[in-house]
């Protein structure tokens, strides 16, 4: 029997599909794991940056507060040197006083006469004199107004001391410097509010050494896979921040209103604002894969909210740390793993194909062996039956001579006994011949001999098959019935001699030929548990036997002819009943 090439092809395709499916699933699963791992690394890096910035900002705020205290001392010193009436103080006095107090300047502020508005009346810095209104300064104006009204400030912003308030270092509205630190003092003994200010280069220098931008630069230098880090203002990013006007008409944005608080923001994407808002709304990191100049990048957004206030001097604002990392590292890792997996797949596929061919070859050899054995048995059975008939004919003269001698001698009883034995032998052969199917007749003849040798009570009955075209090859009939009888004999041999029973029945029903083989079975046998009866290799014999091929061959041949086979157990007997359509 040749190996079924179609089955090999189908098996090969199924193996390939399974491997491709497995590889694809593995690829995407690994990719998601690596992406998740990188996202977690970026979120961890963002939290480290956050912690470093918080420590840096705490130090910067501390420096700011020290400078604020110095400004308060300078303002108190100025008050002791100046006339309590603003009209009796000159700008030149303030210039000399600023040099003496070691600050960059003094300004005296008063009500402008327009409602509660406040203006600069005198100043050592000429540009400060251009500030004729502060009502648009937001919480700064609120602080000025509270000082003049109540001598103390209660707003949450800034740093407060008795009769004193200082805001964050800021861009001067007058344009007198890039960034300055202002402190305001009023104790009610003057008709003006004293403003002392210094250039904020000391604070800026401190931030340049340990501030957020320095932290970002160090993080980028130590993590080559990180391409960019940005601190996006949690309140103003993606919107138009409020602008203020300098005395010269030039607009400026407050330091703490700038959309970009630290780092750089060059690798932009139209979806950044949505991801920015999502990170704030969920309070969890948001990671997305994007393309920048044709290269894949992973962008992670980590929200940093305002902490619960520990002290009254905190000036924190919420922000979102955005970290851009190189996604090509993941793709390279995936490509490397994919190559390795493909090599494994190729080797495994080749191995699987060889294994499939060997398995099919083994089954083919086993089946061919079974078929050859069946064919040889069929030929032997036919030869045996014909030999028996020839023997009877050959011995006919001997039988006649014997009967004549018994008749001549008057031994009637011996003659009758001999005639009965002779007729019994002839009837046995005639019964077999009357089966009507030479293949079945020859098989039954051989099994009668086997039954006598194994001491099995073997009975058979075939009705209505004489001359019919069964639609089944003779060789296949021998395969089917012979394997069922052999299995039945094997089972019967397990019982005592007096309990060894096997019966075979064949008949025509409608357009089907029916075959039934019945034998005694052990009381411990449970048909519901025996689900592998027709599986290759299944056998109830402890050793030797027919390699567990008998019943699989029966099932395969019956199904080949579009027949059915039914197994049932009744009254201690197992019955295999099959039905095959006739031509």
Protein backbone atom coordinates (compact mmCIF):
# COMPACT_ATOMS: atom_id res chain seq x y z
CA UNK A 1 0.00 0.00 0.00
CA UNK A 2 1.42 3.36 -0.97
CA UNK A 3 1.55 6.25 1.45
CA UNK A 4 -1.40 8.60 0.88
CA UNK A 5 0.34 11.68 -0.52
CA UNK A 6 -2.78 13.81 -0.09
CA UNK A 7 -2.88 13.07 3.64
CA UNK A 8 0.80 13.98 3.94
CA UNK A 9 0.18 17.29 2.17
CA UNK A 10 -2.82 18.06 4.37
CA UNK A 11 -0.85 17.19 7.51
CA UNK A 12 2.06 19.33 6.33
CA UNK A 13 -0.25 22.31 5.66
CA UNK A 14 -1.92 21.94 9.07
CA UNK A 15 1.48 21.84 10.79
CA UNK A 16 2.60 24.95 8.88
CA UNK A 17 -0.62 26.82 9.72
CA UNK A 18 -0.29 25.91 13.40
CA UNK A 19 3.32 27.05 13.46
CA UNK A 20 2.54 30.31 11.64
CA UNK A 21 -0.37 31.00 13.99
CA UNK A 22 1.79 30.23 16.99
CA UNK A 23 4.63 32.38 15.67
CA UNK A 24 2.31 35.31 14.91
CA UNK A 25 0.75 35.11 18.35
CA UNK A 26 4.19 34.86 19.92
CA UNK A 27 5.40 37.87 17.89
CA UNK A 28 2.53 40.15 18.92
CA UNK A 29 2.54 38.90 22.50
CA UNK A 30 6.29 39.52 22.76
CA UNK A 31 5.89 42.92 21.14
CA UNK A 32 3.21 43.93 23.61
CA UNK A 33 5.36 42.69 26.51
CA UNK A 34 8.41 44.60 25.29
CA UNK A 35 6.33 47.73 24.65
CA UNK A 36 4.79 47.44 28.10
CA UNK A 37 8.22 46.90 29.63
CA UNK A 38 9.62 49.97 27.84
CA UNK A 39 6.57 52.01 28.88
CA UNK A 40 7.09 50.98 32.48
CA UNK A 41 10.78 51.89 32.23
CA UNK A 42 9.87 55.33 30.87
CA UNK A 43 7.24 55.81 33.57
CA UNK A 44 9.86 54.81 36.16
CA UNK A 45 12.35 57.26 34.63
CA UNK A 46 9.66 59.98 34.73
CA UNK A 47 9.04 59.30 38.40
CA UNK A 48 12.77 59.50 39.10
CA UNK A 49 12.89 62.83 37.25
CA UNK A 50 9.85 63.96 39.21
CA UNK A 51 11.50 63.12 42.52
CA UNK A 52 14.72 64.88 41.52
CA UNK A 53 12.82 67.96 40.35
CA UNK A 54 10.79 68.07 43.55
CA UNK A 55 13.97 68.02 45.59
CA UNK A 56 15.52 70.64 43.31
CA UNK A 57 12.43 72.86 43.46
CA UNK A 58 12.33 72.54 47.24
CA UNK A 59 15.92 73.81 47.32
CA UNK A 60 15.13 76.58 44.84
CA UNK A 61 12.12 77.66 46.89
CA UNK A 62 14.29 77.69 49.98
CA UNK A 63 16.82 79.95 48.23
CA UNK A 64 13.95 82.15 47.04
CA UNK A 65 12.65 82.43 50.59
CA UNK A 66 16.08 83.35 51.91
CA UNK A 67 16.29 86.09 49.30
CA UNK A 68 12.75 87.13 50.28
CA UNK A 69 13.81 87.50 53.89
CA UNK A 70 16.79 89.59 52.75
CA UNK A 71 14.42 91.79 50.73
CA UNK A 72 12.26 92.28 53.83
CA UNK A 73 15.30 93.33 55.81
CA UNK A 74 16.31 95.73 53.00
CA UNK A 75 12.76 97.18 52.94
CA UNK A 76 12.79 97.73 56.73
CA UNK A 77 16.21 99.38 56.37
CA UNK A 78 14.85 101.65 53.62
CA UNK A 79 11.84 102.61 55.74
CA UNK A 80 14.17 103.75 58.52
CA UNK A 81 16.04 106.01 56.11
CA UNK A 82 13.13 107.47 54.13
CA UNK A 83 10.53 110.13 54.85
CA UNK A 84 7.11 108.52 55.52
CA UNK A 85 5.59 110.85 52.91
CA UNK A 86 6.21 109.62 49.33
CA UNK A 87 6.14 113.16 47.98
CA UNK A 88 9.20 113.99 50.08
CA UNK A 89 11.27 111.12 48.71
CA UNK A 90 13.31 111.46 45.52
CA UNK A 91 14.32 108.85 42.98
CA UNK A 92 17.95 109.76 43.57
CA UNK A 93 17.58 108.89 47.26
CA UNK A 94 16.31 105.47 46.29
CA UNK A 95 19.29 104.88 43.96
CA UNK A 96 21.76 105.67 46.77
CA UNK A 97 19.75 103.67 49.28
CA UNK A 98 19.70 100.59 46.97
CA UNK A 99 23.48 100.66 46.73
CA UNK A 100 23.73 100.99 50.49
CA UNK A 101 21.30 98.12 51.11
CA UNK A 102 23.03 95.92 48.48
CA UNK A 103 19.90 95.39 46.38
CA UNK A 104 19.25 96.23 42.73
CA UNK A 105 16.59 98.80 43.48
CA UNK A 106 13.70 100.23 45.47
CA UNK A 107 10.25 101.29 44.29
CA UNK A 108 7.59 103.07 46.32
CA UNK A 109 3.97 102.13 45.44
CA UNK A 110 0.77 104.02 46.29
CA UNK A 111 -2.88 104.24 45.35
CA UNK A 112 -3.26 105.79 41.93
CA UNK A 113 -6.49 107.60 42.80
CA UNK A 114 -8.46 105.51 40.31
CA UNK A 115 -10.50 103.22 42.52
CA UNK A 116 -8.27 100.82 44.44
CA UNK A 117 -5.64 100.73 41.71
CA UNK A 118 -1.99 100.85 42.77
CA UNK A 119 0.91 102.41 40.87
CA UNK A 120 4.66 103.00 41.21
CA UNK A 121 5.21 106.57 42.50
CA UNK A 122 8.98 106.65 42.97
CA UNK A 123 11.76 104.23 41.92
CA UNK A 124 15.50 103.89 41.59
CA UNK A 125 14.80 102.16 38.22
CA UNK A 126 13.38 104.63 35.65
CA UNK A 127 11.51 101.88 33.80
CA UNK A 128 9.57 101.03 36.97
CA UNK A 129 8.04 104.52 36.93
CA UNK A 130 6.13 103.53 33.80
CA UNK A 131 3.92 101.20 35.85
CA UNK A 132 0.91 103.42 36.44
CA UNK A 133 -1.53 100.55 37.08
CA UNK A 134 -1.28 97.09 38.64
CA UNK A 135 -4.94 96.10 38.67
CA UNK A 136 -4.27 93.60 35.84
CA UNK A 137 -1.50 91.82 37.77
CA UNK A 138 -3.79 89.10 39.13
CA UNK A 139 -2.93 87.74 42.58
CA UNK A 140 0.01 90.15 42.71
CA UNK A 141 -2.43 93.07 42.83
CA UNK A 142 -4.46 91.20 45.48
CA UNK A 143 -1.32 90.96 47.63
CA UNK A 144 -0.55 94.69 47.19
CA UNK A 145 -4.14 95.61 48.10
CA UNK A 146 -4.17 93.36 51.19
CA UNK A 147 -0.90 94.85 52.44
CA UNK A 148 -2.14 98.41 52.11
CA UNK A 149 -5.49 97.54 53.69
CA UNK A 150 -4.55 95.01 56.36
CA UNK A 151 -0.75 95.23 56.62
CA UNK A 152 -0.59 91.46 55.95
CA UNK A 153 -1.33 89.11 53.04
CA UNK A 154 -3.61 86.05 53.24
CA UNK A 155 -3.59 84.68 49.69
CA UNK A 156 -2.08 81.20 49.21
CA UNK A 157 0.41 82.30 46.58
CA UNK A 158 3.89 83.54 47.44
CA UNK A 159 5.82 83.72 50.71
CA UNK A 160 4.36 85.66 53.63
CA UNK A 161 6.01 87.27 56.68
CA UNK A 162 4.66 89.95 59.06
CA UNK A 163 3.92 93.09 57.02
CA UNK A 164 5.65 91.47 54.06
CA UNK A 165 4.90 89.43 50.95
CA UNK A 166 7.10 88.20 48.11
CA UNK A 167 6.02 86.44 44.95
CA UNK A 168 7.89 84.02 42.74
CA UNK A 169 10.83 85.31 40.77
CA UNK A 170 9.23 86.81 37.69
CA UNK A 171 9.67 88.81 34.51
CA UNK A 172 9.41 92.48 35.54
CA UNK A 173 6.47 94.27 33.97
CA UNK A 174 8.71 97.26 33.48
CA UNK A 175 11.20 95.32 31.40
CA UNK A 176 14.04 96.42 33.63
CA UNK A 177 15.58 92.91 33.64
CA UNK A 178 14.97 89.44 32.33
CA UNK A 179 13.90 88.00 35.69
CA UNK A 180 13.78 89.63 39.11
CA UNK A 181 12.71 88.84 42.64
CA UNK A 182 10.39 91.39 44.30
CA UNK A 183 9.53 91.83 48.00
CA UNK A 184 6.82 94.18 49.37
CA UNK A 185 6.67 95.71 52.86
CA UNK A 186 4.05 97.87 54.59
CA UNK A 187 3.47 98.40 58.33
CA UNK A 188 1.14 101.41 58.18
CA UNK A 189 3.74 104.03 59.20
CA UNK A 190 4.18 105.33 55.65
CA UNK A 191 1.77 106.38 52.90
CA UNK A 192 3.45 104.06 50.45
CA UNK A 193 4.37 100.39 50.06
CA UNK A 194 8.10 99.69 49.83
CA UNK A 195 9.18 97.32 47.04
CA UNK A 196 12.75 95.96 47.17
CA UNK A 197 13.98 93.92 44.22
CA UNK A 198 17.06 92.10 43.04
CA UNK A 199 17.99 90.44 39.82
CA UNK A 200 17.15 86.71 40.11
CA UNK A 201 20.47 85.54 38.65
CA UNK A 202 21.35 83.83 41.94
CA UNK A 203 18.19 81.73 41.81
CA UNK A 204 18.70 81.05 38.12
CA UNK A 205 22.29 80.04 38.75
CA UNK A 206 21.14 77.64 41.46
CA UNK A 207 18.60 76.16 39.06
CA UNK A 208 21.23 75.86 36.37
CA UNK A 209 23.31 73.75 38.76
CA UNK A 210 20.64 71.45 40.23
CA UNK A 211 17.40 72.49 38.50
CA UNK A 212 15.02 70.59 36.26
CA UNK A 213 16.85 71.36 33.01
CA UNK A 214 20.08 70.01 34.47
CA UNK A 215 18.26 66.88 35.67
CA UNK A 216 16.86 66.40 32.16
CA UNK A 217 20.30 66.75 30.57
CA UNK A 218 21.83 64.21 32.96
CA UNK A 219 18.95 61.78 32.37
CA UNK A 220 19.37 62.04 28.60
CA UNK A 221 23.13 61.52 28.87
CA UNK A 222 22.76 58.35 30.97
CA UNK A 223 19.89 56.86 28.92
CA UNK A 224 20.74 56.83 25.19
CA UNK A 225 17.37 55.25 24.33
CA UNK A 226 15.61 58.42 25.62
CA UNK A 227 15.45 61.01 22.85
CA UNK A 228 13.64 63.90 24.53
CA UNK A 229 12.14 64.96 27.86
CA UNK A 230 9.67 67.79 28.37
CA UNK A 231 7.78 69.20 31.34
CA UNK A 232 4.39 70.39 30.07
CA UNK A 233 2.47 72.87 32.21
CA UNK A 234 -0.62 71.13 33.57
CA UNK A 235 -2.65 74.36 33.36
CA UNK A 236 -1.50 76.13 30.22
CA UNK A 237 -0.16 73.48 27.78
CA UNK A 238 -2.26 73.37 24.65
CA UNK A 239 -3.92 76.69 25.46
CA UNK A 240 -2.99 80.34 25.02
CA UNK A 241 -1.53 81.47 28.37
CA UNK A 242 -2.33 84.90 29.73
CA UNK A 243 0.03 87.60 28.44
CA UNK A 244 1.14 90.69 30.28
CA UNK A 245 2.45 93.93 28.82
CA UNK A 246 5.72 95.57 29.71
CA UNK A 247 5.95 99.30 29.97
CA UNK A 248 7.29 99.44 26.42
CA UNK A 249 4.23 97.57 25.14
CA UNK A 250 6.04 94.26 24.68
CA UNK A 251 4.04 91.23 25.86
CA UNK A 252 5.38 88.55 28.21
CA UNK A 253 4.16 85.38 29.90
CA UNK A 254 4.68 84.67 33.57
CA UNK A 255 7.44 82.16 34.37
CA UNK A 256 4.94 79.77 35.90
CA UNK A 257 2.44 80.16 33.05
CA UNK A 258 4.81 79.05 30.34
CA UNK A 259 3.51 75.88 28.54
CA UNK A 260 6.98 74.31 28.59
CA UNK A 261 8.38 74.35 32.13
CA UNK A 262 11.60 72.46 31.45
CA UNK A 263 13.35 70.31 28.85
CA UNK A 264 12.66 70.52 25.12
CA UNK A 265 9.53 69.90 23.09
CA UNK A 266 10.58 69.42 19.48
CA UNK A 267 9.16 65.96 18.68
CA UNK A 268 5.56 67.11 18.47
CA UNK A 269 2.47 65.23 17.34
CA UNK A 270 -1.10 66.35 16.75
CA UNK A 271 -2.32 63.83 19.33
CA UNK A 272 -0.05 65.08 22.12
CA UNK A 273 -2.69 67.30 23.69
CA UNK A 274 -5.26 64.47 23.81
CA UNK A 275 -2.73 62.12 25.43
CA UNK A 276 -1.70 64.94 27.79
CA UNK A 277 -5.32 65.36 28.92
CA UNK A 278 -5.82 61.60 29.16
CA UNK A 279 -2.84 61.23 31.49
CA UNK A 280 -4.26 63.98 33.73
CA UNK A 281 -7.80 62.55 33.66
CA UNK A 282 -6.75 58.96 34.46
CA UNK A 283 -3.87 59.81 36.76
CA UNK A 284 -1.90 57.00 35.12
CA UNK A 285 0.92 56.92 32.55
CA UNK A 286 -0.16 56.97 28.89
CA UNK A 287 2.15 55.44 26.27
CA UNK A 288 1.68 55.61 22.50
CA UNK A 289 3.79 54.48 19.54
CA UNK A 290 4.24 57.20 16.93
CA UNK A 291 6.41 57.97 13.92
CA UNK A 292 8.81 60.90 13.86
CA UNK A 293 10.62 61.59 10.60
CA UNK A 294 9.93 58.01 9.52
CA UNK A 295 11.31 56.46 12.70
CA UNK A 296 9.17 54.72 15.34
CA UNK A 297 9.15 56.33 18.78
CA UNK A 298 7.39 55.60 22.06
CA UNK A 299 5.98 58.65 23.82
CA UNK A 300 5.03 58.36 27.49
CA UNK A 301 3.00 60.95 29.42
CA UNK A 302 3.21 60.94 33.25
CA UNK A 303 1.07 63.35 35.26
CA UNK A 304 2.62 65.07 38.29
CA UNK A 305 -0.18 66.63 40.39
CA UNK A 306 0.21 69.20 43.13
CA UNK A 307 0.96 67.55 46.44
CA UNK A 308 -1.04 68.33 49.54
CA UNK A 309 0.52 71.44 51.01
CA UNK A 310 2.99 70.66 53.77
CA UNK A 311 4.02 74.25 54.37
CA UNK A 312 2.58 77.58 53.39
CA UNK A 313 5.56 78.38 51.18
CA UNK A 314 4.93 75.74 48.51
CA UNK A 315 4.58 77.21 45.02
CA UNK A 316 4.10 74.04 43.00
CA UNK A 317 2.03 73.75 39.83
CA UNK A 318 0.83 70.52 38.18
CA UNK A 319 2.70 69.34 35.10
CA UNK A 320 3.08 66.35 32.79
CA UNK A 321 6.47 64.78 32.11
CA UNK A 322 6.72 63.60 28.50
CA UNK A 323 9.47 61.15 27.65
CA UNK A 324 10.22 60.18 24.07
CA UNK A 325 12.16 56.91 23.64
CA UNK A 326 13.58 55.10 20.63
CA UNK A 327 11.17 52.33 19.64
CA UNK A 328 13.62 50.88 17.13
CA UNK A 329 15.34 49.01 19.96
CA UNK A 330 12.15 46.98 20.42
CA UNK A 331 11.82 46.33 16.69
CA UNK A 332 15.44 45.19 16.51
CA UNK A 333 14.88 42.86 19.45
CA UNK A 334 11.70 41.52 17.84
CA UNK A 335 13.44 41.01 14.49
CA UNK A 336 16.23 39.11 16.19
CA UNK A 337 13.77 36.91 18.05
CA UNK A 338 11.70 36.43 14.89
CA UNK A 339 14.75 35.16 12.98
CA UNK A 340 15.49 32.70 15.75
CA UNK A 341 11.88 31.54 15.83
CA UNK A 342 11.80 31.14 12.02
CA UNK A 343 14.92 28.96 12.17
CA UNK A 344 13.27 26.85 14.87
CA UNK A 345 10.10 26.66 12.75
CA UNK A 346 12.00 25.49 9.67
CA UNK A 347 13.88 22.84 11.65
CA UNK A 348 10.73 21.74 13.45
CA UNK A 349 8.78 21.62 10.16
CA UNK A 350 11.42 19.43 8.52
CA UNK A 351 11.48 17.19 11.58
CA UNK A 352 7.66 17.04 11.60
CA UNK A 353 7.53 16.11 7.91
CA UNK A 354 10.09 13.34 8.39
CA UNK A 355 8.18 12.11 11.44
CA UNK A 356 4.87 12.17 9.53
CA UNK A 357 6.41 10.21 6.63
CA UNK A 358 7.86 7.65 9.05
CA UNK A 359 4.55 7.29 10.89
CA UNK A 360 2.60 6.87 7.66
CA UNK A 361 5.26 4.45 6.47
CA UNK A 362 4.89 2.40 9.65
CA UNK A 363 1.10 2.37 9.33
CA UNK A 364 1.39 1.48 5.66
CA UNK A 365 3.75 -1.41 6.38
CA UNK A 366 1.50 -2.62 9.20
CA UNK A 367 -1.57 -2.44 6.98
CA UNK A 368 0.22 -4.11 4.09
CA UNK A 369 1.33 -6.85 6.45
CA UNK A 370 -2.25 -7.33 7.64
CA UNK A 371 -3.56 -7.34 4.07
CA UNK A 372 -0.88 -9.80 2.92
CA UNK A 373 -1.62 -12.07 5.87
CA UNK A 374 -5.34 -11.92 5.07
CA UNK A 375 -4.79 -12.68 1.41
CA UNK A 376 -2.51 -15.61 2.23
CA UNK A 377 -5.05 -16.89 4.74
CA UNK A 378 -7.82 -16.55 2.12
CA UNK A 379 -5.84 -18.56 -0.43
CA UNK A 380 -5.00 -21.19 2.18
CA UNK A 381 -8.66 -21.40 3.22
CA UNK A 382 -9.83 -21.90 -0.37
CA UNK A 383 -7.11 -24.47 -0.98
CA UNK A 384 -8.10 -26.28 2.20
CA UNK A 385 -11.78 -26.39 1.22
CA UNK A 386 -11.04 -27.65 -2.29
CA UNK A 387 -8.60 -30.17 -0.83
CA UNK A 388 -11.35 -31.45 1.45
CA UNK A 389 -13.75 -31.84 -1.51
CA UNK A 390 -11.08 -33.53 -3.63
CA UNK A 391 -10.27 -35.79 -0.70
CA UNK A 392 -13.90 -36.84 -0.41
CA UNK A 393 -14.07 -37.60 -4.14
CA UNK A 394 -10.71 -39.36 -4.06
CA UNK A 395 -11.83 -41.53 -1.16
CA UNK A 396 -15.24 -42.26 -2.68
CA UNK A 397 -14.14 -45.71 -4.03
CA UNK A 398 -12.66 -46.62 -0.63
CA UNK A 399 -15.94 -45.72 1.06
CA UNK A 400 -17.94 -47.83 -1.46
CA UNK A 401 -15.65 -50.82 -1.00
CA UNK A 402 -15.89 -50.54 2.76
CA UNK A 403 -19.69 -50.38 2.65
CA UNK A 404 -19.76 -53.41 0.29
CA UNK A 405 -17.58 -55.44 2.63
CA UNK A 406 -19.74 -54.55 5.63
CA UNK A 407 -22.86 -55.45 3.65
CA UNK A 408 -21.42 -58.81 2.46
CA UNK A 409 -20.47 -59.79 5.99
CA UNK A 410 -23.93 -58.93 7.21
CA UNK A 411 -22.70 -56.34 9.69
CA UNK A 412 -25.64 -54.04 9.34
CA UNK A 413 -25.04 -52.05 12.55
CA UNK A 414 -21.42 -51.32 11.61
CA UNK A 415 -22.58 -50.41 8.14
CA UNK A 416 -25.15 -47.89 9.53
CA UNK A 417 -22.62 -46.37 11.88
CA UNK A 418 -20.10 -45.95 9.07
CA UNK A 419 -22.77 -44.45 6.80
CA UNK A 420 -23.79 -41.92 9.48
CA UNK A 421 -20.18 -40.77 9.99
CA UNK A 422 -19.67 -40.49 6.21
CA UNK A 423 -22.91 -38.53 5.70
CA UNK A 424 -22.06 -36.17 8.64
CA UNK A 425 -18.70 -35.32 7.02
CA UNK A 426 -20.32 -34.78 3.63
CA UNK A 427 -23.05 -32.56 5.18
CA UNK A 428 -20.47 -30.39 6.95
CA UNK A 429 -18.76 -29.70 3.66
CA UNK A 430 -22.09 -29.17 1.91
CA UNK A 431 -23.21 -26.70 4.64
CA UNK A 432 -20.08 -24.68 4.04
CA UNK A 433 -20.55 -24.79 0.28
CA UNK A 434 -24.20 -23.70 0.67
CA UNK A 435 -23.02 -20.41 2.22
CA UNK A 436 -23.02 -19.25 -1.39
CA UNK A 437 -19.92 -17.06 -1.10
CA UNK A 438 -16.66 -18.93 -1.79
CA UNK A 439 -14.53 -16.49 0.20
CA UNK A 440 -16.76 -16.77 3.26
CA UNK A 441 -17.06 -20.54 2.85
CA UNK A 442 -13.31 -20.97 2.70
CA UNK A 443 -12.86 -18.71 5.74
CA UNK A 444 -15.44 -20.63 7.76
CA UNK A 445 -13.75 -23.93 6.79
CA UNK A 446 -10.43 -22.66 8.20
CA UNK A 447 -12.06 -21.34 11.38
CA UNK A 448 -13.78 -24.71 12.01
CA UNK A 449 -10.34 -26.28 12.02
CA UNK A 450 -9.05 -23.51 14.34
CA UNK A 451 -12.05 -23.97 16.66
CA UNK A 452 -11.35 -27.69 16.97
CA UNK A 453 -7.72 -26.97 17.79
CA UNK A 454 -8.52 -24.27 20.38
CA UNK A 455 -11.57 -26.13 21.80
CA UNK A 456 -14.00 -23.31 21.00
CA UNK A 457 -17.67 -24.03 20.37
CA UNK A 458 -17.92 -22.35 16.99
CA UNK A 459 -21.27 -21.97 15.22
CA UNK A 460 -22.18 -20.20 12.02
CA UNK A 461 -25.26 -19.43 9.94
CA UNK A 462 -25.43 -17.60 6.61
CA UNK A 463 -28.80 -17.11 4.89
CA UNK A 464 -29.78 -15.46 1.64
CA UNK A 465 -26.28 -14.73 0.36
CA UNK A 466 -26.16 -17.44 -2.32
CA UNK A 467 -25.32 -15.93 -5.69
CA UNK A 468 -25.63 -12.31 -4.50
CA UNK A 469 -23.24 -9.59 -5.64
CA UNK A 470 -22.33 -8.17 -2.27
CA UNK A 471 -20.38 -5.20 -3.59
CA UNK A 472 -17.41 -6.11 -1.42
CA UNK A 473 -14.18 -7.62 -2.69
CA UNK A 474 -13.57 -11.17 -1.52
CA UNK A 475 -10.27 -10.12 0.02
CA UNK A 476 -12.05 -7.40 2.02
CA UNK A 477 -14.72 -9.86 3.17
CA UNK A 478 -11.98 -12.10 4.52
CA UNK A 479 -10.34 -9.09 6.19
CA UNK A 480 -13.55 -8.01 7.89
CA UNK A 481 -15.04 -11.34 8.98
CA UNK A 482 -11.66 -13.00 9.62
CA UNK A 483 -10.42 -10.26 11.97
CA UNK A 484 -13.70 -10.24 13.89
CA UNK A 485 -13.60 -14.06 14.30
CA UNK A 486 -9.91 -13.98 15.30
CA UNK A 487 -10.63 -11.35 17.97
CA UNK A 488 -13.60 -13.42 19.16
CA UNK A 489 -11.45 -16.57 19.42
CA UNK A 490 -8.78 -14.62 21.33
CA UNK A 491 -11.38 -13.44 23.85
CA UNK A 492 -13.01 -16.88 24.09
CA UNK A 493 -9.67 -18.52 24.89
CA UNK A 494 -9.59 -16.56 28.18
CA UNK A 495 -12.54 -18.61 29.51
CA UNK A 496 -12.72 -22.26 30.64
CA UNK A 497 -13.23 -24.77 27.80
CA UNK A 498 -16.91 -25.30 28.59
CA UNK A 499 -17.58 -21.52 28.29
CA UNK A 500 -15.76 -20.85 25.03
CA UNK A 501 -18.44 -19.78 22.56
CA UNK A 502 -18.20 -17.91 19.25
CA UNK A 503 -20.98 -17.49 16.71
CA UNK A 504 -21.07 -15.88 13.27
CA UNK A 505 -24.23 -14.93 11.44
CA UNK A 506 -24.70 -13.47 7.98
CA UNK A 507 -27.89 -12.42 6.22
CA UNK A 508 -29.39 -10.02 3.72
CA UNK A 509 -31.60 -7.22 4.97
CA UNK A 510 -33.17 -4.78 2.49
CA UNK A 511 -30.23 -3.71 0.31
CA UNK A 512 -27.57 -4.41 2.93
CA UNK A 513 -25.51 -7.44 3.85
CA UNK A 514 -25.38 -7.95 7.62
CA UNK A 515 -22.61 -9.74 9.50
CA UNK A 516 -22.73 -10.43 13.24
CA UNK A 517 -19.89 -11.91 15.32
CA UNK A 518 -20.64 -12.74 18.94
CA UNK A 519 -18.48 -14.05 21.78
CA UNK A 520 -18.42 -14.23 25.55
CA UNK A 521 -16.79 -11.26 27.32
CA UNK A 522 -15.47 -10.69 30.83
CA UNK A 523 -17.94 -9.34 33.40
CA UNK A 524 -15.42 -6.56 34.18
CA UNK A 525 -15.62 -5.27 30.61
CA UNK A 526 -17.35 -1.86 30.36
CA UNK A 527 -18.17 -0.81 26.82
CA UNK A 528 -18.63 2.87 27.80
CA UNK A 529 -15.08 3.03 29.11
CA UNK A 530 -13.56 1.26 26.08
CA UNK A 531 -13.45 4.27 23.73
CA UNK A 532 -10.36 3.09 21.85
CA UNK A 533 -11.68 -0.22 20.47
CA UNK A 534 -11.00 0.81 16.87
CA UNK A 535 -7.72 2.64 17.55
CA UNK A 536 -4.53 1.27 16.06
CA UNK A 537 -2.52 -0.46 18.77
CA UNK A 538 -5.51 -1.16 21.03
CA UNK A 539 -5.52 -4.74 22.32
CA UNK A 540 -6.82 -6.63 25.33
CA UNK A 541 -4.08 -9.24 24.96
CA UNK A 542 -1.25 -8.88 27.45
CA UNK A 543 1.41 -10.01 24.99
CA UNK A 544 1.75 -11.25 21.41
CA UNK A 545 -1.42 -10.98 19.33
CA UNK A 546 -2.09 -9.02 16.17
CA UNK A 547 -0.43 -5.66 16.98
CA UNK A 548 -3.84 -4.13 17.71
CA UNK A 549 -4.61 -3.82 13.97
CA UNK A 550 -7.64 -6.16 13.68
CA UNK A 551 -10.50 -3.88 14.65
CA UNK A 552 -8.99 -0.75 12.99
CA UNK A 553 -8.74 -2.72 9.72
CA UNK A 554 -12.37 -3.85 10.09
CA UNK A 555 -13.58 -0.30 10.73
CA UNK A 556 -11.53 1.15 7.88
CA UNK A 557 -12.82 -1.45 5.35
CA UNK A 558 -16.44 -1.14 6.48
CA UNK A 559 -16.33 2.66 6.21
CA UNK A 560 -14.61 2.34 2.83
CA UNK A 561 -17.76 0.62 1.55
CA UNK A 562 -19.92 3.26 3.27
CA UNK A 563 -21.04 0.75 5.86
CA UNK A 564 -21.59 0.98 9.59
CA UNK A 565 -20.48 -1.08 12.58
CA UNK A 566 -22.25 -1.28 15.92
CA UNK A 567 -20.94 -2.76 19.18
CA UNK A 568 -23.16 -3.85 22.04
CA UNK A 569 -22.87 -6.01 25.17
CA UNK A 570 -25.78 -8.18 26.29
CA UNK A 571 -26.03 -11.07 28.78
CA UNK A 572 -22.25 -11.45 29.06
CA UNK A 573 -21.67 -11.47 25.29
CA UNK A 574 -20.15 -8.75 23.10
CA UNK A 575 -21.59 -8.47 19.60
CA UNK A 576 -20.04 -6.72 16.61
CA UNK A 577 -22.75 -6.13 14.01
CA UNK A 578 -21.87 -4.50 10.72
CA UNK A 579 -23.95 -3.44 7.75
CA UNK A 580 -22.56 -2.91 4.23
CA UNK A 581 -24.63 -1.70 1.25
CA UNK A 582 -24.74 -4.16 -1.66
CA UNK A 583 -24.20 -3.11 -5.27
